[in-house]
PDB file of N, CA and C in Angstrom:
ATOM      1  N   VAL A   1      -2.884   6.168  14.823  1.00  0.00           N
ATOM      2  CA  VAL A   1      -3.143   7.228  13.849  1.00  0.00           C
ATOM      3  C   VAL A   1      -4.613   7.539  13.893  1.00  0.00           C
ATOM      4  N   MET A   2      -4.962   8.651  14.482  1.00  0.00           N
ATOM      5  CA  MET A   2      -6.301   9.089  14.563  1.00  0.00           C
ATOM      6  C   MET A   2      -7.163   7.929  15.165  1.00  0.00           C
ATOM      7  N   ASP A   3      -6.547   7.105  16.056  1.00  0.00           N
ATOM      8  CA  ASP A   3      -7.295   5.995  16.703  1.00  0.00           C
ATOM      9  C   ASP A   3      -7.822   5.029  15.790  1.00  0.00           C
ATOM     10  N   GLN A   4      -7.252   4.857  14.596  1.00  0.00           N
ATOM     11  CA  GLN A   4      -7.692   3.823  13.632  1.00  0.00           C
ATOM     12  C   GLN A   4      -6.890   2.555  13.912  1.00  0.00           C
ATOM     13  N   SER A   5      -7.535   1.397  13.636  1.00  0.00           N
ATOM     14  CA  SER A   5      -6.863   0.171  13.597  1.00  0.00           C
ATOM     15  C   SER A   5      -6.226  -0.045  12.217  1.00  0.00           C
ATOM     16  N   LEU A   6      -5.306  -0.949  12.166  1.00  0.00           N
ATOM     17  CA  LEU A   6      -4.727  -1.250  10.839  1.00  0.00           C
ATOM     18  C   LEU A   6      -5.774  -1.674   9.830  1.00  0.00           C
ATOM     19  N   GLU A   7      -6.769  -2.487  10.286  1.00  0.00           N
ATOM     20  CA  GLU A   7      -7.854  -2.887   9.461  1.00  0.00           C
ATOM     21  C   GLU A   7      -8.650  -1.765   8.955  1.00  0.00           C
ATOM     22  N   ASP A   8      -8.985  -0.753   9.826  1.00  0.00           N
ATOM     23  CA  ASP A   8      -9.749   0.382   9.370  1.00  0.00           C
ATOM     24  C   ASP A   8      -8.963   1.242   8.399  1.00  0.00           C
ATOM     25  N   ALA A   9      -7.680   1.450   8.610  1.00  0.00           N
ATOM     26  CA  ALA A   9      -6.903   2.220   7.668  1.00  0.00           C
ATOM     27  C   ALA A   9      -6.809   1.473   6.311  1.00  0.00           C
ATOM     28  N   LEU A  10      -6.573   0.199   6.375  1.00  0.00           N
ATOM     29  CA  LEU A  10      -6.473  -0.595   5.124  1.00  0.00           C
ATOM     30  C   LEU A  10      -7.889  -0.422   4.372  1.00  0.00           C
ATOM     31  N   ALA A  11      -8.977  -0.577   5.040  1.00  0.00           N
ATOM     32  CA  ALA A  11     -10.255  -0.414   4.396  1.00  0.00           C
ATOM     33  C   ALA A  11     -10.430   0.951   3.786  1.00  0.00           C
ATOM     34  N   GLU A  12     -10.064   1.970   4.569  1.00  0.00           N
ATOM     35  CA  GLU A  12     -10.170   3.347   4.011  1.00  0.00           C
ATOM     36  C   GLU A  12      -9.274   3.539   2.772  1.00  0.00           C
ATOM     37  N   LEU A  13      -7.988   3.180   2.882  1.00  0.00           N
ATOM     38  CA  LEU A  13      -7.072   3.422   1.791  1.00  0.00           C
ATOM     39  C   LEU A  13      -7.372   2.537   0.558  1.00  0.00           C
ATOM     40  N   SER A  14      -8.020   1.467   0.717  1.00  0.00           N
ATOM     41  CA  SER A  14      -8.310   0.571  -0.406  1.00  0.00           C
ATOM     42  C   SER A  14      -9.729   0.696  -0.964  1.00  0.00           C
ATOM     43  N   SER A  15     -10.465   1.691  -0.409  1.00  0.00           N
ATOM     44  CA  SER A  15     -11.825   1.950  -0.836  1.00  0.00           C
ATOM     45  C   SER A  15     -11.852   2.190  -2.389  1.00  0.00           C
ATOM     46  N   GLY A  16     -12.715   1.487  -3.035  1.00  0.00           N
ATOM     47  CA  GLY A  16     -12.823   1.587  -4.484  1.00  0.00           C
ATOM     48  C   GLY A  16     -11.924   0.667  -5.284  1.00  0.00           C
ATOM     49  N   LEU A  17     -11.052  -0.090  -4.599  1.00  0.00           N
ATOM     50  CA  LEU A  17     -10.163  -0.952  -5.255  1.00  0.00           C
ATOM     51  C   LEU A  17     -10.815  -2.380  -5.394  1.00  0.00           C
ATOM     52  N   LYS A  18     -10.546  -3.082  -6.531  1.00  0.00           N
ATOM     53  CA  LYS A  18     -10.764  -4.417  -6.640  1.00  0.00           C
ATOM     54  C   LYS A  18      -9.473  -5.106  -6.042  1.00  0.00           C
ATOM     55  N   VAL A  19      -9.451  -5.516  -4.861  1.00  0.00           N
ATOM     56  CA  VAL A  19      -8.235  -5.934  -4.137  1.00  0.00           C
ATOM     57  C   VAL A  19      -7.762  -7.286  -4.696  1.00  0.00           C
ATOM     58  N   THR A  20      -6.474  -7.381  -5.057  1.00  0.00           N
ATOM     59  CA  THR A  20      -5.867  -8.466  -5.641  1.00  0.00           C
ATOM     60  C   THR A  20      -4.907  -9.120  -4.641  1.00  0.00           C
ATOM     61  N   TYR A  21      -4.406  -8.332  -3.757  1.00  0.00           N
ATOM     62  CA  TYR A  21      -3.434  -8.805  -2.756  1.00  0.00           C
ATOM     63  C   TYR A  21      -3.481  -7.908  -1.519  1.00  0.00           C
ATOM     64  N   LYS A  22      -3.436  -8.491  -0.343  1.00  0.00           N
ATOM     65  CA  LYS A  22      -3.215  -7.748   0.901  1.00  0.00           C
ATOM     66  C   LYS A  22      -2.545  -8.542   1.906  1.00  0.00           C
ATOM     67  N   ARG A  23      -1.818  -7.910   2.751  1.00  0.00           N
ATOM     68  CA  ARG A  23      -1.066  -8.525   3.811  1.00  0.00           C
ATOM     69  C   ARG A  23      -0.996  -7.511   4.993  1.00  0.00           C
ATOM     70  N   ILE A  24      -1.288  -7.993   6.216  1.00  0.00           N
ATOM     71  CA  ILE A  24      -1.215  -7.179   7.404  1.00  0.00           C
ATOM     72  C   ILE A  24      -0.268  -7.866   8.337  1.00  0.00           C
ATOM     73  N   ASP A  25       0.686  -7.113   8.902  1.00  0.00           N
ATOM     74  CA  ASP A  25       1.538  -7.545  10.041  1.00  0.00           C
ATOM     75  C   ASP A  25       1.183  -6.743  11.199  1.00  0.00           C
ATOM     76  N   LYS A  26       0.372  -7.211  12.073  1.00  0.00           N
ATOM     77  CA  LYS A  26      -0.048  -6.437  13.268  1.00  0.00           C
ATOM     78  C   LYS A  26       1.091  -6.254  14.274  1.00  0.00           C
ATOM     79  N   GLU A  27       1.962  -7.213  14.362  1.00  0.00           N
ATOM     80  CA  GLU A  27       3.064  -7.131  15.234  1.00  0.00           C
ATOM     81  C   GLU A  27       4.042  -5.952  14.950  1.00  0.00           C
ATOM     82  N   LYS A  28       4.296  -5.849  13.656  1.00  0.00           N
ATOM     83  CA  LYS A  28       5.223  -4.774  13.145  1.00  0.00           C
ATOM     84  C   LYS A  28       4.498  -3.537  12.706  1.00  0.00           C
ATOM     85  N   ARG A  29       3.116  -3.604  12.754  1.00  0.00           N
ATOM     86  CA  ARG A  29       2.275  -2.489  12.470  1.00  0.00           C
ATOM     87  C   ARG A  29       2.304  -1.928  11.029  1.00  0.00           C
ATOM     88  N   TRP A  30       2.182  -2.764  10.107  1.00  0.00           N
ATOM     89  CA  TRP A  30       2.194  -2.378   8.652  1.00  0.00           C
ATOM     90  C   TRP A  30       1.246  -3.220   7.825  1.00  0.00           C
ATOM     91  N   PHE A  31       0.875  -2.675   6.681  1.00  0.00           N
ATOM     92  CA  PHE A  31       0.106  -3.455   5.725  1.00  0.00           C
ATOM     93  C   PHE A  31       0.430  -3.065   4.343  1.00  0.00           C
ATOM     94  N   VAL A  32       0.080  -3.961   3.368  1.00  0.00           N
ATOM     95  CA  VAL A  32       0.266  -3.790   1.947  1.00  0.00           C
ATOM     96  C   VAL A  32      -1.083  -4.178   1.344  1.00  0.00           C
ATOM     97  N   VAL A  33      -1.488  -3.447   0.327  1.00  0.00           N
ATOM     98  CA  VAL A  33      -2.696  -3.774  -0.445  1.00  0.00           C
ATOM     99  C   VAL A  33      -2.460  -3.354  -1.909  1.00  0.00           C
ATOM    100  N   SER A  34      -2.868  -4.132  -2.794  1.00  0.00           N
ATOM    101  CA  SER A  34      -2.833  -3.773  -4.173  1.00  0.00           C
ATOM    102  C   SER A  34      -4.074  -4.227  -4.896  1.00  0.00           C
ATOM    103  N   GLY A  35      -4.372  -3.575  -5.996  1.00  0.00           N
ATOM    104  CA  GLY A  35      -5.549  -3.998  -6.720  1.00  0.00           C
ATOM    105  C   GLY A  35      -5.776  -3.077  -7.901  1.00  0.00           C
ATOM    106  N   LEU A  36      -6.992  -3.205  -8.508  1.00  0.00           N
ATOM    107  CA  LEU A  36      -7.311  -2.538  -9.657  1.00  0.00           C
ATOM    108  C   LEU A  36      -8.383  -1.433  -9.410  1.00  0.00           C
ATOM    109  N   ALA A  37      -8.178  -0.320 -10.036  1.00  0.00           N
ATOM    110  CA  ALA A  37      -9.183   0.760 -10.031  1.00  0.00           C
ATOM    111  C   ALA A  37      -9.336   1.233 -11.478  1.00  0.00           C
ATOM    112  N   GLY A  38     -10.358   0.663 -12.146  1.00  0.00           N
ATOM    113  CA  GLY A  38     -10.488   0.942 -13.567  1.00  0.00           C
ATOM    114  C   GLY A  38      -9.308   0.308 -14.341  1.00  0.00           C
ATOM    115  N   ASP A  39      -8.645   1.086 -15.096  1.00  0.00           N
ATOM    116  CA  ASP A  39      -7.531   0.638 -15.912  1.00  0.00           C
ATOM    117  C   ASP A  39      -6.226   0.877 -15.253  1.00  0.00           C
ATOM    118  N   GLU A  40      -6.235   1.076 -13.934  1.00  0.00           N
ATOM    119  CA  GLU A  40      -5.005   1.335 -13.242  1.00  0.00           C
ATOM    120  C   GLU A  40      -4.695   0.302 -12.179  1.00  0.00           C
ATOM    121  N   ILE A  41      -3.458  -0.025 -11.945  1.00  0.00           N
ATOM    122  CA  ILE A  41      -3.044  -0.874 -10.835  1.00  0.00           C
ATOM    123  C   ILE A  41      -2.546   0.066  -9.726  1.00  0.00           C
ATOM    124  N   ILE A  42      -3.066  -0.207  -8.461  1.00  0.00           N
ATOM    125  CA  ILE A  42      -2.752   0.641  -7.347  1.00  0.00           C
ATOM    126  C   ILE A  42      -2.035  -0.209  -6.331  1.00  0.00           C
ATOM    127  N   TYR A  43      -0.939   0.293  -5.797  1.00  0.00           N
ATOM    128  CA  TYR A  43      -0.191  -0.361  -4.759  1.00  0.00           C
ATOM    129  C   TYR A  43      -0.077   0.600  -3.572  1.00  0.00           C
ATOM    130  N   ILE A  44      -0.449   0.144  -2.374  1.00  0.00           N
ATOM    131  CA  ILE A  44      -0.341   0.949  -1.139  1.00  0.00           C
ATOM    132  C   ILE A  44       0.388   0.155  -0.151  1.00  0.00           C
ATOM    133  N   LYS A  45       1.348   0.797   0.525  1.00  0.00           N
ATOM    134  CA  LYS A  45       2.076   0.236   1.714  1.00  0.00           C
ATOM    135  C   LYS A  45       2.003   1.255   2.785  1.00  0.00           C
ATOM    136  N   CYS A  46       1.659   0.805   3.957  1.00  0.00           N
ATOM    137  CA  CYS A  46       1.445   1.768   5.100  1.00  0.00           C
ATOM    138  C   CYS A  46       2.172   1.202   6.414  1.00  0.00           C
ATOM    139  N   PHE A  47       2.933   2.065   7.016  1.00  0.00           N
ATOM    140  CA  PHE A  47       3.527   1.793   8.327  1.00  0.00           C
ATOM    141  C   PHE A  47       2.862   2.606   9.374  1.00  0.00           C
ATOM    142  N   PHE A  48       2.428   2.068  10.410  1.00  0.00           N
ATOM    143  CA  PHE A  48       1.859   2.838  11.552  1.00  0.00           C
ATOM    144  C   PHE A  48       3.004   2.992  12.509  1.00  0.00           C
ATOM    145  N   GLY A  49       3.302   4.277  12.743  1.00  0.00           N
ATOM    146  CA  GLY A  49       4.419   4.558  13.691  1.00  0.00           C
ATOM    147  C   GLY A  49       4.048   5.880  14.469  1.00  0.00           C
ATOM    148  N   TYR A  50       4.893   6.264  15.367  1.00  0.00           N
ATOM    149  CA  TYR A  50       4.634   7.458  16.124  1.00  0.00           C
ATOM    150  C   TYR A  50       5.382   8.590  15.514  1.00  0.00           C
ATOM    151  N   PRO A  51       4.772   9.699  15.234  1.00  0.00           N
ATOM    152  CA  PRO A  51       3.424  10.081  15.626  1.00  0.00           C
ATOM    153  C   PRO A  51       2.463   9.971  14.554  1.00  0.00           C
ATOM    154  N   ALA A  52       2.811   9.410  13.411  1.00  0.00           N
ATOM    155  CA  ALA A  52       1.884   9.390  12.233  1.00  0.00           C
ATOM    156  C   ALA A  52       2.159   8.100  11.378  1.00  0.00           C
ATOM    157  N   ALA A  53       1.284   7.902  10.472  1.00  0.00           N
ATOM    158  CA  ALA A  53       1.503   6.838   9.459  1.00  0.00           C
ATOM    159  C   ALA A  53       2.381   7.293   8.372  1.00  0.00           C
ATOM    160  N   ARG A  54       3.116   6.359   7.775  1.00  0.00           N
ATOM    161  CA  ARG A  54       3.912   6.639   6.564  1.00  0.00           C
ATOM    162  C   ARG A  54       3.289   5.796   5.567  1.00  0.00           C
ATOM    163  N   ILE A  55       2.872   6.459   4.425  1.00  0.00           N
ATOM    164  CA  ILE A  55       2.123   5.794   3.390  1.00  0.00           C
ATOM    165  C   ILE A  55       2.716   5.994   2.031  1.00  0.00           C
ATOM    166  N   LEU A  56       2.911   4.880   1.343  1.00  0.00           N
ATOM    167  CA  LEU A  56       3.406   4.941  -0.092  1.00  0.00           C
ATOM    168  C   LEU A  56       2.207   4.466  -0.954  1.00  0.00           C
ATOM    169  N   ARG A  57       1.778   5.280  -1.914  1.00  0.00           N
ATOM    170  CA  ARG A  57       0.738   4.880  -2.793  1.00  0.00           C
ATOM    171  C   ARG A  57       1.256   5.161  -4.254  1.00  0.00           C
ATOM    172  N   MET A  58       1.264   4.113  -5.061  1.00  0.00           N
ATOM    173  CA  MET A  58       1.647   4.221  -6.495  1.00  0.00           C
ATOM    174  C   MET A  58       0.565   3.718  -7.306  1.00  0.00           C
ATOM    175  N   SER A  59       0.440   4.333  -8.508  1.00  0.00           N
ATOM    176  CA  SER A  59      -0.498   3.863  -9.530  1.00  0.00           C
ATOM    177  C   SER A  59       0.050   3.894 -10.860  1.00  0.00           C
ATOM    178  N   TYR A  60      -0.355   3.017 -11.716  1.00  0.00           N
ATOM    179  CA  TYR A  60       0.144   2.992 -13.086  1.00  0.00           C
ATOM    180  C   TYR A  60      -0.796   2.247 -13.997  1.00  0.00           C
ATOM    181  N   PRO A  61      -0.766   2.508 -15.291  1.00  0.00           N
ATOM    182  CA  PRO A  61      -1.696   1.883 -16.208  1.00  0.00           C
ATOM    183  C   PRO A  61      -1.524   0.407 -16.241  1.00  0.00           C
ATOM    184  N   LYS A  62      -2.625  -0.312 -16.196  1.00  0.00           N
ATOM    185  CA  LYS A  62      -2.618  -1.839 -16.199  1.00  0.00           C
ATOM    186  C   LYS A  62      -1.904  -2.351 -17.429  1.00  0.00           C
ATOM    187  N   HIS A  63      -2.083  -1.685 -18.602  1.00  0.00           N
ATOM    188  CA  HIS A  63      -1.489  -2.195 -19.756  1.00  0.00           C
ATOM    189  C   HIS A  63       0.044  -2.063 -19.871  1.00  0.00           C
ATOM    190  N   LYS A  64       0.622  -1.350 -18.825  1.00  0.00           N
ATOM    191  CA  LYS A  64       2.054  -1.134 -18.797  1.00  0.00           C
ATOM    192  C   LYS A  64       2.623  -1.839 -17.614  1.00  0.00           C
ATOM    193  N   ALA A  65       1.918  -2.773 -17.052  1.00  0.00           N
ATOM    194  CA  ALA A  65       2.389  -3.470 -15.789  1.00  0.00           C
ATOM    195  C   ALA A  65       3.784  -4.078 -15.975  1.00  0.00           C
ATOM    196  N   GLN A  66       4.069  -4.705 -17.045  1.00  0.00           N
ATOM    197  CA  GLN A  66       5.371  -5.367 -17.234  1.00  0.00           C
ATOM    198  C   GLN A  66       6.524  -4.292 -17.182  1.00  0.00           C
ATOM    199  N   ALA A  67       6.234  -3.163 -17.782  1.00  0.00           N
ATOM    200  CA  ALA A  67       7.261  -2.095 -17.800  1.00  0.00           C
ATOM    201  C   ALA A  67       7.482  -1.463 -16.448  1.00  0.00           C
ATOM    202  N   TYR A  68       6.376  -1.351 -15.727  1.00  0.00           N
ATOM    203  CA  TYR A  68       6.534  -0.656 -14.373  1.00  0.00           C
ATOM    204  C   TYR A  68       6.912  -1.557 -13.239  1.00  0.00           C
ATOM    205  N   ALA A  69       6.669  -2.847 -13.350  1.00  0.00           N
ATOM    206  CA  ALA A  69       6.900  -3.762 -12.223  1.00  0.00           C
ATOM    207  C   ALA A  69       8.298  -3.689 -11.647  1.00  0.00           C
ATOM    208  N   PRO A  70       9.400  -3.663 -12.430  1.00  0.00           N
ATOM    209  CA  PRO A  70      10.698  -3.590 -11.834  1.00  0.00           C
ATOM    210  C   PRO A  70      10.901  -2.315 -11.046  1.00  0.00           C
ATOM    211  N   GLN A  71      10.419  -1.175 -11.527  1.00  0.00           N
ATOM    212  CA  GLN A  71      10.651   0.046 -10.862  1.00  0.00           C
ATOM    213  C   GLN A  71       9.789   0.158  -9.546  1.00  0.00           C
ATOM    214  N   VAL A  72       8.570  -0.327  -9.635  1.00  0.00           N
ATOM    215  CA  VAL A  72       7.733  -0.438  -8.442  1.00  0.00           C
ATOM    216  C   VAL A  72       8.394  -1.294  -7.373  1.00  0.00           C
ATOM    217  N   GLU A  73       8.884  -2.390  -7.766  1.00  0.00           N
ATOM    218  CA  GLU A  73       9.557  -3.343  -6.798  1.00  0.00           C
ATOM    219  C   GLU A  73      10.755  -2.596  -6.049  1.00  0.00           C
ATOM    220  N   LYS A  74      11.539  -1.858  -6.867  1.00  0.00           N
ATOM    221  CA  LYS A  74      12.665  -1.104  -6.243  1.00  0.00           C
ATOM    222  C   LYS A  74      12.184  -0.128  -5.223  1.00  0.00           C
ATOM    223  N   VAL A  75      11.197   0.612  -5.607  1.00  0.00           N
ATOM    224  CA  VAL A  75      10.662   1.703  -4.689  1.00  0.00           C
ATOM    225  C   VAL A  75      10.083   1.028  -3.413  1.00  0.00           C
ATOM    226  N   VAL A  76       9.303  -0.053  -3.603  1.00  0.00           N
ATOM    227  CA  VAL A  76       8.728  -0.768  -2.461  1.00  0.00           C
ATOM    228  C   VAL A  76       9.794  -1.281  -1.541  1.00  0.00           C
ATOM    229  N   GLN A  77      10.877  -1.907  -2.063  1.00  0.00           N
ATOM    230  CA  GLN A  77      11.861  -2.444  -1.227  1.00  0.00           C
ATOM    231  C   GLN A  77      12.657  -1.384  -0.397  1.00  0.00           C
ATOM    232  N   GLY A  78      12.733  -0.181  -0.944  1.00  0.00           N
ATOM    233  CA  GLY A  78      13.384   0.943  -0.244  1.00  0.00           C
ATOM    234  C   GLY A  78      12.498   1.619   0.717  1.00  0.00           C
ATOM    235  N   PHE A  79      11.201   1.396   0.675  1.00  0.00           N
ATOM    236  CA  PHE A  79      10.267   2.167   1.593  1.00  0.00           C
ATOM    237  C   PHE A  79      10.190   1.314   2.919  1.00  0.00           C
ATOM    238  N   ARG A  80      10.881   1.808   3.901  1.00  0.00           N
ATOM    239  CA  ARG A  80      11.015   1.083   5.152  1.00  0.00           C
ATOM    240  C   ARG A  80      10.639   2.141   6.241  1.00  0.00           C
ATOM    241  N   LEU A  81      10.368   1.544   7.472  1.00  0.00           N
ATOM    242  CA  LEU A  81      10.089   2.437   8.657  1.00  0.00           C
ATOM    243  C   LEU A  81      11.375   2.476   9.459  1.00  0.00           C
ATOM    244  N   TYR A  82      11.879   3.693   9.576  1.00  0.00           N
ATOM    245  CA  TYR A  82      13.063   3.955  10.441  1.00  0.00           C
ATOM    246  C   TYR A  82      12.666   4.910  11.552  1.00  0.00           C
ATOM    247  N   GLU A  83      12.761   4.410  12.782  1.00  0.00           N
ATOM    248  CA  GLU A  83      12.401   5.138  13.933  1.00  0.00           C
ATOM    249  C   GLU A  83      13.616   5.600  14.675  1.00  0.00           C
TER     250      GLU A  83
END
């Protein structure tokens, strides 16, 4: 994707976040990063595929984390790369 590495894309997409979790799978070409941006929780999942990246980005208020967590988990589990 625009000749970026997974690490470069992760750095760009997580810019400004206080990262609390990240995982990179170079073999399957995806990453996940989550963290805090002010009073919001940000979750980003990215698949590198041809011809472009598929990116899921969700944000929600930190004080509502317990209420949002189950819905976020459902969305994340359904976000897959189908080629």
